[in-house]
Protein backbone atom coordinates (compact mmCIF):
# COMPACT_ATOMS: atom_id res chain seq x y z
CA UNK A 1 3.33 -12.74 12.89
CA UNK A 2 4.13 -10.55 10.21
CA UNK A 3 4.43 -6.91 11.41
CA UNK A 4 6.60 -4.46 9.25
CA UNK A 5 8.61 -1.89 10.68
CA UNK A 6 9.51 1.05 7.70
CA UNK A 7 11.55 1.87 7.70
CA UNK A 8 14.06 -1.14 9.21
CA UNK A 9 17.23 1.51 9.65
CA UNK A 10 16.11 5.20 11.10
CA UNK A 11 19.32 8.00 10.26
CA UNK A 12 17.23 10.84 11.54
CA UNK A 13 15.80 9.76 15.15
CA UNK A 14 17.02 7.18 17.66
CA UNK A 15 14.40 4.50 16.70
CA UNK A 16 14.96 0.87 16.93
CA UNK A 17 12.93 -0.94 14.66
CA UNK A 18 12.59 -4.35 16.40
CA UNK A 19 11.79 -2.56 19.48
CA UNK A 20 9.09 -1.08 17.72
CA UNK A 21 7.76 -4.26 16.30
CA UNK A 22 7.69 -6.05 19.51
CA UNK A 23 5.27 -3.25 21.30
CA UNK A 24 2.89 -4.00 18.39
CA UNK A 25 3.47 -7.77 18.32
CA UNK A 26 2.59 -7.14 21.83
CA UNK A 27 -0.41 -5.04 21.47
CA UNK A 28 -2.29 -6.82 18.92
CA UNK A 29 -3.10 -10.09 21.28
CA UNK A 30 -3.93 -7.28 23.99
CA UNK A 31 -6.05 -5.02 21.80
CA UNK A 32 -8.19 -8.35 20.41
CA UNK A 33 -6.76 -8.10 16.75
CA UNK A 34 -5.39 -11.62 14.98
CA UNK A 35 -1.78 -11.90 16.25
CA UNK A 36 -1.24 -13.12 12.44
CA UNK A 37 -3.12 -9.96 11.17
CA UNK A 38 -1.20 -7.99 8.37
CA UNK A 39 0.15 -4.66 10.04
CA UNK A 40 3.12 -2.29 8.70
CA UNK A 41 3.62 0.65 10.10
CA UNK A 42 5.31 3.56 8.23
CA UNK A 43 7.28 5.91 10.38
CA UNK A 44 8.53 9.44 8.83
CA UNK A 45 11.41 10.37 10.60
CA UNK A 46 11.42 13.58 8.86
CA UNK A 47 8.80 14.67 10.88
CA UNK A 48 8.90 15.72 13.82
CA UNK A 49 5.07 16.48 14.75
CA UNK A 50 2.44 14.08 15.98
CA UNK A 51 0.14 13.04 13.08
CA UNK A 52 -0.79 9.38 13.09
CA UNK A 53 -3.94 7.77 11.03
CA UNK A 54 -5.04 3.67 10.24
CA UNK A 55 -4.29 4.56 5.86
CA UNK A 56 -6.06 1.04 5.81
CA UNK A 57 -7.48 -2.02 7.53
CA UNK A 58 -6.76 -4.79 5.43
CA UNK A 59 -3.76 -4.98 5.35
CA UNK A 60 -3.24 -2.81 8.45
CA UNK A 61 -1.37 0.02 7.79
CA UNK A 62 -0.46 3.54 9.92
CA UNK A 63 0.91 5.76 8.86
CA UNK A 64 2.98 7.55 11.69
CA UNK A 65 5.12 10.96 12.07
CA UNK A 66 7.76 10.49 13.86
CA UNK A 67 7.36 12.92 16.95
CA UNK A 68 4.26 10.56 17.53
CA UNK A 69 6.74 8.39 19.07
CA UNK A 70 9.22 10.55 20.38
CA UNK A 71 10.17 10.67 24.16
CA UNK A 72 8.66 14.02 25.05
CA UNK A 73 11.32 15.03 27.48
CA UNK A 74 14.19 13.37 25.66
CA UNK A 75 13.88 14.72 21.49
CA UNK A 76 14.94 12.00 18.60
CA UNK A 77 14.45 9.31 21.20
CA UNK A 78 11.30 6.65 21.15
CA UNK A 79 8.84 6.69 23.72
CA UNK A 80 7.95 3.02 24.17
CA UNK A 81 4.82 3.80 26.42
CA UNK A 82 3.84 7.10 23.80
CA UNK A 83 4.45 4.42 21.06
CA UNK A 84 2.11 1.77 22.84
CA UNK A 85 -0.32 4.70 23.54
CA UNK A 86 -0.21 5.99 19.51
CA UNK A 87 -0.44 2.23 17.72
CA UNK A 88 -2.88 0.80 20.90
CA UNK A 89 -5.21 3.16 20.19
CA UNK A 90 -4.64 3.33 16.34
CA UNK A 91 -5.41 -0.72 16.57
CA UNK A 92 -8.42 -0.66 18.49
CA UNK A 93 -9.83 1.69 15.79
CA UNK A 94 -9.19 -1.23 13.10
CA UNK A 95 -10.40 -3.56 15.48
CA UNK A 96 -13.56 -1.38 16.12
CA UNK A 97 -14.03 -1.04 12.04
CA UNK A 98 -13.45 -4.94 11.50
CA UNK A 99 -16.09 -5.99 13.86
CA UNK A 100 -19.77 -6.33 12.72
CA UNK A 101 -21.11 -5.64 16.10
CA UNK A 102 -19.96 -2.42 16.50
CA UNK A 103 -21.36 -1.04 13.44
CA UNK A 104 -20.73 1.00 10.36
CA UNK A 105 -18.00 4.50 11.35
CA UNK A 106 -17.17 6.98 8.76
CA UNK A 107 -14.62 7.34 7.10
CA UNK A 108 -12.18 9.12 9.38
CA UNK A 109 -12.16 12.42 7.15
CA UNK A 110 -16.06 12.12 7.44
CA UNK A 111 -16.05 12.17 11.17
CA UNK A 112 -16.76 15.21 13.43
CA UNK A 113 -14.01 16.19 16.22
CA UNK A 114 -16.49 15.58 18.69
CA UNK A 115 -16.95 12.06 17.84
CA UNK A 116 -13.22 11.57 17.13
CA UNK A 117 -12.50 12.61 20.78
CA UNK A 118 -15.21 10.31 22.30
CA UNK A 119 -13.89 7.09 20.27
CA UNK A 120 -10.36 8.51 21.24
CA UNK A 121 -11.67 8.17 25.23
CA UNK A 122 -13.24 5.02 24.37
CA UNK A 123 -10.20 3.59 22.98
CA UNK A 124 -7.44 4.84 25.23
CA UNK A 125 -9.64 3.56 28.37
CA UNK A 126 -9.68 0.25 27.10
CA UNK A 127 -6.08 0.65 26.63
CA UNK A 128 -5.66 1.59 30.16
CA UNK A 129 -7.47 -1.31 31.53
CA UNK A 130 -5.13 -3.59 29.89
CA UNK A 131 -2.02 -2.16 31.79
CA UNK A 132 -0.86 0.35 29.16
CA UNK A 133 0.14 3.85 30.43
CA UNK A 134 -3.19 6.30 30.40
CA UNK A 135 -3.00 10.24 30.10
CA UNK A 136 -6.76 10.38 31.75
CA UNK A 137 -6.07 13.83 32.31
CA UNK A 138 -4.91 14.58 28.95
CA UNK A 139 -7.91 12.76 27.59
CA UNK A 140 -10.41 14.52 29.59
CA UNK A 141 -9.07 17.78 28.33
CA UNK A 142 -9.28 17.27 24.78
CA UNK A 143 -12.98 15.81 25.72
CA UNK A 144 -13.86 19.14 27.33
CA UNK A 145 -12.49 20.92 24.80
CA UNK A 146 -15.36 19.31 22.13
CA UNK A 147 -17.93 18.84 24.56
CA UNK A 148 -17.88 21.41 27.23
CA UNK A 149 -16.31 22.18 30.79
CA UNK A 150 -19.34 20.50 32.11
CA UNK A 151 -20.71 18.11 34.58
CA UNK A 152 -22.52 16.21 31.76
CA UNK A 153 -19.43 16.19 29.60
CA UNK A 154 -17.60 14.94 32.67
CA UNK A 155 -19.90 12.33 33.19
CA UNK A 156 -19.79 10.97 29.50
CA UNK A 157 -16.57 11.41 29.57
CA UNK A 158 -16.46 8.51 32.54
CA UNK A 159 -18.93 6.44 30.66
CA UNK A 160 -16.93 6.12 27.86
CA UNK A 161 -13.75 6.03 29.46
CA UNK A 162 -14.84 3.02 31.47
CA UNK A 163 -17.15 1.63 28.78
CA UNK A 164 -17.07 -2.08 27.87
CA UNK A 165 -18.66 -3.24 24.36
CA UNK A 166 -19.86 0.29 23.31
CA UNK A 167 -21.15 0.09 19.69
CA UNK A 168 -20.70 3.26 17.46
CA UNK A 169 -24.29 4.17 18.08
CA UNK A 170 -23.66 4.37 21.44
CA UNK A 171 -20.65 6.58 21.18
CA UNK A 172 -21.97 9.20 19.17
CA UNK A 173 -25.25 9.23 21.41
CA UNK A 174 -22.50 9.51 24.77
CA UNK A 175 -21.15 12.28 22.72
CA UNK A 176 -23.93 13.88 21.34
CA UNK A 177 -25.49 14.38 24.63
CA UNK A 178 -22.41 15.82 26.14
CA UNK A 179 -22.36 18.40 23.46
CA UNK A 180 -25.73 19.26 23.97
CA UNK A 181 -25.26 20.22 27.77
CA UNK A 182 -22.65 23.22 26.26
CA UNK A 183 -23.51 26.51 27.88
CA UNK A 184 -23.54 29.12 25.22
CA UNK A 185 -22.45 32.14 26.34
């Protein structure tokens, strides 16, 4: 399985490239991507922030700021659960984009915050069902911030979280329905 982690040796954080590689290799079959998929995870250890993005789907290339993989209570230490959460969610978006049945998704830069949040909920819900750590309340709060603090939004969240084989059009429809229920003040 051609998984590459860069850098191979970390000097500013106490990360282990082999550990990260093992997490990615475990995620691939769990998510339904080919185990021989070419995956590169570029980690900018100089940046303690949490940005993470897919920069290519073929080959799969993920860029991550070091803070995204850090243990929240142990600065500069790798969080295995956090790494699986971040990289797993991104690999699920790759899987979705590569699946013709999922439908055409706009480029990440063209996604609305509401639609991106809804897709995140769908992805993390799938990770949770595969036994990975899920921060359900964190995702619910982020979803409510984009869709409103309403019963309709909460029902939409549950539909996405528990969703199986949803398409991009279904995710957008669920998100738009929830956002439309926002109470204007």
